[in-house]
Amino acid sequence: MAKFSSAASAAAKRTIVIRVVLAALILGAGYLVFEFGRIQAGYNLLAAADERDFFEEQIARLENDNLALNEQIALLETHRNIDREAYSEVESSLTKLQAKIREQQDAIAFYRGIVSPADGKSGLRVQNFNLTRGAVEREYNIRIVLIQAMKHDRKVSGNVRLRIAGIENGEPKTYSYSELRPADAESKWSFSFRYFQDFDRQVVLPDGFEPETVTVSVESRTSSIASIEASYPWLSSLG
């Protein structure tokens, strides 16, 4: 009985220690992801002269934190296998940690896209394109994040043009954003930024129209910065 009590006490202590470590890791990771969210929401952290250093520092911190989270996951999985009853709560903690890692990986990809993209090319990019269903029938939300990679010595400005191609009444049909936007939405889709700019737009599809592809044309008005165009399959993009 004494041995059983001692083992139970040790298990309880290990559970407390793990909970404390988990809380610290999740809080730290949550702060970094919170900062990333503020940037994507338009919070002006890029105004100071050391923006590039900020991005690189964030990348390093996120990578280090991801390493710590992965090590903690490995430890928790080991304890879970040793004593599943004492660590029944570990399952939910593991899920939270893994979700936090995914969020941080998205943040790292965002910063790297601005500072040092994988292909080493500078200029305009569509960093993110996301399509979700709207609040009413045939309405869809479109979120686009534009970035200027590597070179940030000048602002880039211009216009975004969006086209949705598909089939209507058995025939090919293409609609522009201006034809699909809600009546109260802005008709102009202009941009001006040094590092990034994000947009949230809505479109309402006509009855009988089945969309197939979305084409985003980013037309630069800034000399030496080229315009770009990217196309996305409708079904693959729909979240």
C-alpha atoms as a PDB file:
ATOM      1  CA  MET A   1       0.000   0.000   0.000  1.00  0.00           C
ATOM      2  CA  ALA A   2       2.865   2.398   0.837  1.00  0.00           C
ATOM      3  CA  LYS A   3       4.490   1.720  -2.512  1.00  0.00           C
ATOM      4  CA  PHE A   4       1.217   2.387  -4.297  1.00  0.00           C
ATOM      5  CA  SER A   5       0.751   5.652  -2.386  1.00  0.00           C
ATOM      6  CA  SER A   6       4.311   6.721  -3.188  1.00  0.00           C
ATOM      7  CA  ALA A   7       3.852   5.963  -6.880  1.00  0.00           C
ATOM      8  CA  ALA A   8       0.567   7.861  -6.966  1.00  0.00           C
ATOM      9  CA  SER A   9       2.195  10.843  -5.246  1.00  0.00           C
ATOM     10  CA  ALA A  10       5.068  10.837  -7.731  1.00  0.00           C
ATOM     11  CA  ALA A  11       2.631  10.669 -10.637  1.00  0.00           C
ATOM     12  CA  ALA A  12       0.661  13.599  -9.212  1.00  0.00           C
ATOM     13  CA  LYS A  13       3.834  15.673  -8.872  1.00  0.00           C
ATOM     14  CA  ARG A  14       4.854  14.897 -12.449  1.00  0.00           C
ATOM     15  CA  THR A  15       1.398  15.936 -13.614  1.00  0.00           C
ATOM     16  CA  ILE A  16       1.694  19.299 -11.836  1.00  0.00           C
ATOM     17  CA  VAL A  17       5.155  19.956 -13.288  1.00  0.00           C
ATOM     18  CA  ILE A  18       3.978  19.136 -16.801  1.00  0.00           C
ATOM     19  CA  ARG A  19       0.953  21.398 -16.442  1.00  0.00           C
ATOM     20  CA  VAL A  20       3.163  24.311 -15.354  1.00  0.00           C
ATOM     21  CA  VAL A  21       5.569  23.765 -18.265  1.00  0.00           C
ATOM     22  CA  LEU A  22       2.671  23.447 -20.708  1.00  0.00           C
ATOM     23  CA  ALA A  23       1.110  26.675 -19.472  1.00  0.00           C
ATOM     24  CA  ALA A  24       4.396  28.570 -19.848  1.00  0.00           C
ATOM     25  CA  LEU A  25       5.001  27.250 -23.361  1.00  0.00           C
ATOM     26  CA  ILE A  26       1.471  27.923 -24.531  1.00  0.00           C
ATOM     27  CA  LEU A  27       1.510  31.467 -23.111  1.00  0.00           C
ATOM     28  CA  GLY A  28       4.836  32.231 -24.768  1.00  0.00           C
ATOM     29  CA  ALA A  29       3.741  30.758 -28.080  1.00  0.00           C
ATOM     30  CA  GLY A  30       0.407  32.523 -27.845  1.00  0.00           C
ATOM     31  CA  TYR A  31       2.114  35.896 -27.454  1.00  0.00           C
ATOM     32  CA  LEU A  32       4.173  35.410 -30.610  1.00  0.00           C
ATOM     33  CA  VAL A  33       1.160  34.306 -32.620  1.00  0.00           C
ATOM     34  CA  PHE A  34      -0.798  37.255 -31.191  1.00  0.00           C
ATOM     35  CA  GLU A  35       1.869  39.654 -32.483  1.00  0.00           C
ATOM     36  CA  PHE A  36       1.692  37.970 -35.867  1.00  0.00           C
ATOM     37  CA  GLY A  37      -2.073  38.386 -35.901  1.00  0.00           C
ATOM     38  CA  ARG A  38      -1.750  42.076 -35.099  1.00  0.00           C
ATOM     39  CA  ILE A  39       0.553  42.514 -38.076  1.00  0.00           C
ATOM     40  CA  GLN A  40      -1.856  40.746 -40.441  1.00  0.00           C
ATOM     41  CA  ALA A  41      -4.671  42.901 -39.106  1.00  0.00           C
ATOM     42  CA  GLY A  42      -2.744  46.026 -40.147  1.00  0.00           C
ATOM     43  CA  TYR A  43      -1.053  47.001 -36.880  1.00  0.00           C
ATOM     44  CA  ASN A  44       1.884  49.252 -37.803  1.00  0.00           C
ATOM     45  CA  LEU A  45       4.937  47.475 -36.370  1.00  0.00           C
ATOM     46  CA  LEU A  46       6.842  48.106 -39.594  1.00  0.00           C
ATOM     47  CA  ALA A  47       7.195  51.862 -39.335  1.00  0.00           C
ATOM     48  CA  ALA A  48      10.548  51.903 -37.519  1.00  0.00           C
ATOM     49  CA  ALA A  49      13.888  51.616 -39.287  1.00  0.00           C
ATOM     50  CA  ASP A  50      14.631  48.164 -37.886  1.00  0.00           C
ATOM     51  CA  GLU A  51      11.684  46.314 -39.447  1.00  0.00           C
ATOM     52  CA  ARG A  52      13.912  43.777 -41.147  1.00  0.00           C
ATOM     53  CA  ASP A  53      15.672  42.996 -37.877  1.00  0.00           C
ATOM     54  CA  PHE A  54      12.276  42.561 -36.278  1.00  0.00           C
ATOM     55  CA  PHE A  55      11.220  39.970 -38.843  1.00  0.00           C
ATOM     56  CA  GLU A  56      14.462  38.029 -38.516  1.00  0.00           C
ATOM     57  CA  GLU A  57      14.262  38.099 -34.729  1.00  0.00           C
ATOM     58  CA  GLN A  58      10.664  36.848 -34.833  1.00  0.00           C
ATOM     59  CA  ILE A  59      11.663  33.989 -37.132  1.00  0.00           C
ATOM     60  CA  ALA A  60      14.433  32.933 -34.729  1.00  0.00           C
ATOM     61  CA  ARG A  61      12.151  33.157 -31.693  1.00  0.00           C
ATOM     62  CA  LEU A  62       9.377  31.196 -33.360  1.00  0.00           C
ATOM     63  CA  GLU A  63      11.767  28.489 -34.526  1.00  0.00           C
ATOM     64  CA  ASN A  64      13.262  28.158 -31.029  1.00  0.00           C
ATOM     65  CA  ASP A  65       9.813  28.020 -29.503  1.00  0.00           C
ATOM     66  CA  ASN A  66       8.709  25.380 -32.001  1.00  0.00           C
ATOM     67  CA  LEU A  67      11.738  23.299 -31.034  1.00  0.00           C
ATOM     68  CA  ALA A  68      10.810  23.558 -27.353  1.00  0.00           C
ATOM     69  CA  LEU A  69       7.193  22.636 -28.088  1.00  0.00           C
ATOM     70  CA  ASN A  70       8.233  19.594 -30.113  1.00  0.00           C
ATOM     71  CA  GLU A  71      10.522  18.446 -27.315  1.00  0.00           C
ATOM     72  CA  GLN A  72       7.698  18.870 -24.830  1.00  0.00           C
ATOM     73  CA  ILE A  73       5.360  16.856 -27.054  1.00  0.00           C
ATOM     74  CA  ALA A  74       7.913  14.023 -27.176  1.00  0.00           C
ATOM     75  CA  LEU A  75       8.200  14.094 -23.377  1.00  0.00           C
ATOM     76  CA  LEU A  76       4.432  14.080 -22.890  1.00  0.00           C
ATOM     77  CA  GLU A  77       3.981  11.197 -25.298  1.00  0.00           C
ATOM     78  CA  THR A  78       6.601   9.190 -23.378  1.00  0.00           C
ATOM     79  CA  HIS A  79       4.859   9.819 -20.045  1.00  0.00           C
ATOM     80  CA  ARG A  80       1.477   9.087 -21.566  1.00  0.00           C
ATOM     81  CA  ASN A  81       2.651   5.679 -22.708  1.00  0.00           C
ATOM     82  CA  ILE A  82       4.198   4.915 -19.315  1.00  0.00           C
ATOM     83  CA  ASP A  83       1.191   5.842 -17.216  1.00  0.00           C
ATOM     84  CA  ARG A  84      -1.909   6.488 -19.304  1.00  0.00           C
ATOM     85  CA  GLU A  85      -4.194   6.849 -16.292  1.00  0.00           C
ATOM     86  CA  ALA A  86      -2.093   9.540 -14.608  1.00  0.00           C
ATOM     87  CA  TYR A  87      -1.732  11.465 -17.862  1.00  0.00           C
ATOM     88  CA  SER A  88      -5.221  11.229 -19.323  1.00  0.00           C
ATOM     89  CA  GLU A  89      -5.319  15.017 -19.574  1.00  0.00           C
ATOM     90  CA  VAL A  90      -2.187  15.030 -21.724  1.00  0.00           C
ATOM     91  CA  GLU A  91      -4.231  14.231 -24.841  1.00  0.00           C
ATOM     92  CA  SER A  92      -5.877  17.659 -24.954  1.00  0.00           C
ATOM     93  CA  SER A  93      -2.586  19.375 -24.106  1.00  0.00           C
ATOM     94  CA  LEU A  94      -0.878  17.655 -27.021  1.00  0.00           C
ATOM     95  CA  THR A  95      -3.613  18.817 -29.383  1.00  0.00           C
ATOM     96  CA  LYS A  96      -3.228  22.415 -28.210  1.00  0.00           C
ATOM     97  CA  LEU A  97       0.549  22.309 -28.587  1.00  0.00           C
ATOM     98  CA  GLN A  98       0.346  20.858 -32.080  1.00  0.00           C
ATOM     99  CA  ALA A  99      -2.164  23.536 -33.119  1.00  0.00           C
ATOM    100  CA  LYS A 100       0.127  26.219 -31.717  1.00  0.00           C
ATOM    101  CA  ILE A 101       3.049  24.828 -33.702  1.00  0.00           C
ATOM    102  CA  ARG A 102       0.997  24.992 -36.902  1.00  0.00           C
ATOM    103  CA  GLU A 103       0.096  28.618 -36.188  1.00  0.00           C
ATOM    104  CA  GLN A 104       3.719  29.487 -35.574  1.00  0.00           C
ATOM    105  CA  GLN A 105       4.803  27.756 -38.772  1.00  0.00           C
ATOM    106  CA  ASP A 106       2.342  29.968 -40.666  1.00  0.00           C
ATOM    107  CA  ALA A 107       3.850  33.015 -38.954  1.00  0.00           C
ATOM    108  CA  ILE A 108       7.389  31.914 -39.874  1.00  0.00           C
ATOM    109  CA  ALA A 109       6.354  31.429 -43.515  1.00  0.00           C
ATOM    110  CA  PHE A 110       4.820  34.918 -43.532  1.00  0.00           C
ATOM    111  CA  TYR A 111       7.951  36.628 -42.160  1.00  0.00           C
ATOM    112  CA  ARG A 112      10.266  34.662 -44.433  1.00  0.00           C
ATOM    113  CA  GLY A 113       8.173  35.549 -47.463  1.00  0.00           C
ATOM    114  CA  ILE A 114       8.890  39.218 -46.758  1.00  0.00           C
ATOM    115  CA  VAL A 115      12.540  38.944 -45.669  1.00  0.00           C
ATOM    116  CA  SER A 116      13.979  36.016 -47.626  1.00  0.00           C
ATOM    117  CA  PRO A 117      11.625  34.025 -49.902  1.00  0.00           C
ATOM    118  CA  ALA A 118      12.688  30.506 -50.794  1.00  0.00           C
ATOM    119  CA  ASP A 119      13.247  31.306 -54.476  1.00  0.00           C
ATOM    120  CA  GLY A 120      15.334  34.398 -53.666  1.00  0.00           C
ATOM    121  CA  LYS A 121      13.269  36.634 -55.955  1.00  0.00           C
ATOM    122  CA  SER A 122      12.156  40.112 -55.001  1.00  0.00           C
ATOM    123  CA  GLY A 123       8.975  41.917 -55.983  1.00  0.00           C
ATOM    124  CA  LEU A 124       5.242  41.612 -55.559  1.00  0.00           C
ATOM    125  CA  ARG A 125       3.683  38.348 -54.411  1.00  0.00           C
ATOM    126  CA  VAL A 126       0.274  37.008 -53.462  1.00  0.00           C
ATOM    127  CA  GLN A 127       1.372  35.551 -50.123  1.00  0.00           C
ATOM    128  CA  ASN A 128      -2.035  34.194 -49.187  1.00  0.00           C
ATOM    129  CA  PHE A 129      -5.350  33.578 -50.940  1.00  0.00           C
ATOM    130  CA  ASN A 130      -8.268  32.277 -48.909  1.00  0.00           C
ATOM    131  CA  LEU A 131     -11.860  31.670 -49.949  1.00  0.00           C
ATOM    132  CA  THR A 132     -14.699  30.935 -47.506  1.00  0.00           C
ATOM    133  CA  ARG A 133     -18.486  30.782 -47.644  1.00  0.00           C
ATOM    134  CA  GLY A 134     -20.400  33.918 -46.721  1.00  0.00           C
ATOM    135  CA  ALA A 135     -23.384  34.496 -44.487  1.00  0.00           C
ATOM    136  CA  VAL A 136     -25.979  34.103 -47.234  1.00  0.00           C
ATOM    137  CA  GLU A 137     -26.531  31.834 -50.229  1.00  0.00           C
ATOM    138  CA  ARG A 138     -24.093  32.389 -53.139  1.00  0.00           C
ATOM    139  CA  GLU A 139     -21.976  34.838 -51.104  1.00  0.00           C
ATOM    140  CA  TYR A 140     -18.262  34.168 -50.599  1.00  0.00           C
ATOM    141  CA  ASN A 141     -15.506  35.890 -48.656  1.00  0.00           C
ATOM    142  CA  ILE A 142     -12.135  36.449 -50.290  1.00  0.00           C
ATOM    143  CA  ARG A 143      -9.010  37.256 -48.286  1.00  0.00           C
ATOM    144  CA  ILE A 144      -5.797  38.200 -50.083  1.00  0.00           C
ATOM    145  CA  VAL A 145      -2.434  39.122 -48.559  1.00  0.00           C
ATOM    146  CA  LEU A 146       0.036  40.910 -50.833  1.00  0.00           C
ATOM    147  CA  ILE A 147       3.686  41.302 -49.900  1.00  0.00           C
ATOM    148  CA  GLN A 148       6.776  42.932 -51.350  1.00  0.00           C
ATOM    149  CA  ALA A 149       9.631  40.466 -50.958  1.00  0.00           C
ATOM    150  CA  MET A 150      13.236  41.307 -50.061  1.00  0.00           C
ATOM    151  CA  LYS A 151      13.499  44.895 -51.328  1.00  0.00           C
ATOM    152  CA  HIS A 152      11.644  47.472 -49.267  1.00  0.00           C
ATOM    153  CA  ASP A 153      13.317  50.725 -50.255  1.00  0.00           C
ATOM    154  CA  ARG A 154      10.137  52.088 -51.814  1.00  0.00           C
ATOM    155  CA  LYS A 155       6.410  51.694 -51.599  1.00  0.00           C
ATOM    156  CA  VAL A 156       4.603  49.807 -54.317  1.00  0.00           C
ATOM    157  CA  SER A 157       1.167  50.955 -55.391  1.00  0.00           C
ATOM    158  CA  GLY A 158      -1.377  49.878 -57.944  1.00  0.00           C
ATOM    159  CA  ASN A 159      -4.655  48.028 -58.347  1.00  0.00           C
ATOM    160  CA  VAL A 160      -5.967  44.527 -57.808  1.00  0.00           C
ATOM    161  CA  ARG A 161      -8.232  43.027 -60.443  1.00  0.00           C
ATOM    162  CA  LEU A 162     -10.069  39.795 -59.775  1.00  0.00           C
ATOM    163  CA  ARG A 163     -11.826  37.548 -62.283  1.00  0.00           C
ATOM    164  CA  ILE A 164     -13.879  34.424 -61.645  1.00  0.00           C
ATOM    165  CA  ALA A 165     -14.281  32.047 -64.569  1.00  0.00           C
ATOM    166  CA  GLY A 166     -16.716  29.157 -64.806  1.00  0.00           C
ATOM    167  CA  ILE A 167     -19.726  27.754 -66.589  1.00  0.00           C
ATOM    168  CA  GLU A 168     -23.129  29.412 -66.921  1.00  0.00           C
ATOM    169  CA  ASN A 169     -25.987  27.750 -68.811  1.00  0.00           C
ATOM    170  CA  GLY A 170     -23.522  25.325 -70.349  1.00  0.00           C
ATOM    171  CA  GLU A 171     -21.251  28.058 -71.722  1.00  0.00           C
ATOM    172  CA  PRO A 172     -17.918  29.471 -70.479  1.00  0.00           C
ATOM    173  CA  LYS A 173     -18.402  32.701 -68.556  1.00  0.00           C
ATOM    174  CA  THR A 174     -16.049  35.110 -66.761  1.00  0.00           C
ATOM    175  CA  TYR A 175     -17.092  37.766 -64.247  1.00  0.00           C
ATOM    176  CA  SER A 176     -15.001  40.640 -62.944  1.00  0.00           C
ATOM    177  CA  TYR A 177     -14.988  41.672 -59.293  1.00  0.00           C
ATOM    178  CA  SER A 178     -16.989  44.826 -60.107  1.00  0.00           C
ATOM    179  CA  GLU A 179     -19.799  42.642 -61.501  1.00  0.00           C
ATOM    180  CA  LEU A 180     -19.928  40.409 -58.430  1.00  0.00           C
ATOM    181  CA  ARG A 181     -19.299  42.775 -55.519  1.00  0.00           C
ATOM    182  CA  PRO A 182     -22.136  43.601 -53.091  1.00  0.00           C
ATOM    183  CA  ALA A 183     -23.949  46.847 -53.872  1.00  0.00           C
ATOM    184  CA  ASP A 184     -22.480  48.641 -50.851  1.00  0.00           C
ATOM    185  CA  ALA A 185     -18.878  47.487 -51.416  1.00  0.00           C
ATOM    186  CA  GLU A 186     -16.066  49.673 -52.720  1.00  0.00           C
ATOM    187  CA  SER A 187     -15.641  49.543 -56.481  1.00  0.00           C
ATOM    188  CA  LYS A 188     -11.936  50.427 -56.370  1.00  0.00           C
ATOM    189  CA  TRP A 189      -9.390  47.854 -55.241  1.00  0.00           C
ATOM    190  CA  SER A 190      -6.184  49.794 -54.894  1.00  0.00           C
ATOM    191  CA  PHE A 191      -3.089  49.134 -52.779  1.00  0.00           C
ATOM    192  CA  SER A 192      -0.064  51.019 -51.499  1.00  0.00           C
ATOM    193  CA  PHE A 193       2.454  49.447 -49.127  1.00  0.00           C
ATOM    194  CA  ARG A 194       6.113  48.803 -48.438  1.00  0.00           C
ATOM    195  CA  TYR A 195       5.953  45.408 -46.754  1.00  0.00           C
ATOM    196  CA  PHE A 196       2.452  43.954 -47.016  1.00  0.00           C
ATOM    197  CA  GLN A 197      -1.246  44.733 -47.268  1.00  0.00           C
ATOM    198  CA  ASP A 198      -4.231  42.472 -46.732  1.00  0.00           C
ATOM    199  CA  PHE A 199      -7.739  42.682 -48.126  1.00  0.00           C
ATOM    200  CA  ASP A 200     -11.114  41.188 -47.268  1.00  0.00           C
ATOM    201  CA  ARG A 201     -13.691  41.304 -50.037  1.00  0.00           C
ATOM    202  CA  GLN A 202     -17.037  39.652 -50.729  1.00  0.00           C
ATOM    203  CA  VAL A 203     -18.555  38.439 -53.988  1.00  0.00           C
ATOM    204  CA  VAL A 204     -22.069  37.250 -54.754  1.00  0.00           C
ATOM    205  CA  LEU A 205     -22.312  34.698 -57.568  1.00  0.00           C
ATOM    206  CA  PRO A 206     -25.246  34.817 -60.020  1.00  0.00           C
ATOM    207  CA  ASP A 207     -27.724  31.943 -59.984  1.00  0.00           C
ATOM    208  CA  GLY A 208     -26.746  29.252 -62.469  1.00  0.00           C
ATOM    209  CA  PHE A 209     -23.073  30.204 -62.508  1.00  0.00           C
ATOM    210  CA  GLU A 210     -20.643  27.472 -61.445  1.00  0.00           C
ATOM    211  CA  PRO A 211     -17.188  28.937 -60.686  1.00  0.00           C
ATOM    212  CA  GLU A 212     -14.038  27.048 -61.635  1.00  0.00           C
ATOM    213  CA  THR A 213     -11.041  29.386 -61.263  1.00  0.00           C
ATOM    214  CA  VAL A 214     -10.169  32.680 -59.597  1.00  0.00           C
ATOM    215  CA  THR A 215      -7.509  34.901 -61.200  1.00  0.00           C
ATOM    216  CA  VAL A 216      -5.866  37.680 -59.182  1.00  0.00           C
ATOM    217  CA  SER A 217      -4.068  40.348 -61.218  1.00  0.00           C
ATOM    218  CA  VAL A 218      -1.871  42.694 -59.172  1.00  0.00           C
ATOM    219  CA  GLU A 219      -1.117  45.670 -61.413  1.00  0.00           C
ATOM    220  CA  SER A 220       1.830  47.762 -60.239  1.00  0.00           C
ATOM    221  CA  ARG A 221       2.001  51.503 -60.938  1.00  0.00           C
ATOM    222  CA  THR A 222       5.497  51.718 -59.438  1.00  0.00           C
ATOM    223  CA  SER A 223       8.385  51.793 -61.891  1.00  0.00           C
ATOM    224  CA  SER A 224      10.819  48.831 -61.717  1.00  0.00           C
ATOM    225  CA  ILE A 225       8.276  46.708 -59.796  1.00  0.00           C
ATOM    226  CA  ALA A 226       6.544  44.281 -62.116  1.00  0.00           C
ATOM    227  CA  SER A 227       2.866  43.371 -62.093  1.00  0.00           C
ATOM    228  CA  ILE A 228       1.932  39.768 -61.303  1.00  0.00           C
ATOM    229  CA  GLU A 229      -0.960  37.386 -61.861  1.00  0.00           C
ATOM    230  CA  ALA A 230      -1.969  34.207 -60.043  1.00  0.00           C
ATOM    231  CA  SER A 231      -4.814  31.746 -60.606  1.00  0.00           C
ATOM    232  CA  TYR A 232      -6.447  29.409 -58.087  1.00  0.00           C
ATOM    233  CA  PRO A 233      -8.886  26.521 -58.586  1.00  0.00           C
ATOM    234  CA  TRP A 234     -12.205  27.408 -56.968  1.00  0.00           C
ATOM    235  CA  LEU A 235     -12.844  24.130 -55.159  1.00  0.00           C
ATOM    236  CA  SER A 236      -9.251  23.769 -53.944  1.00  0.00           C
ATOM    237  CA  SER A 237      -9.306  27.309 -52.525  1.00  0.00           C
ATOM    238  CA  LEU A 238     -12.663  27.025 -50.805  1.00  0.00           C
ATOM    239  CA  GLY A 239     -12.254  26.634 -47.049  1.00  0.00           C
END
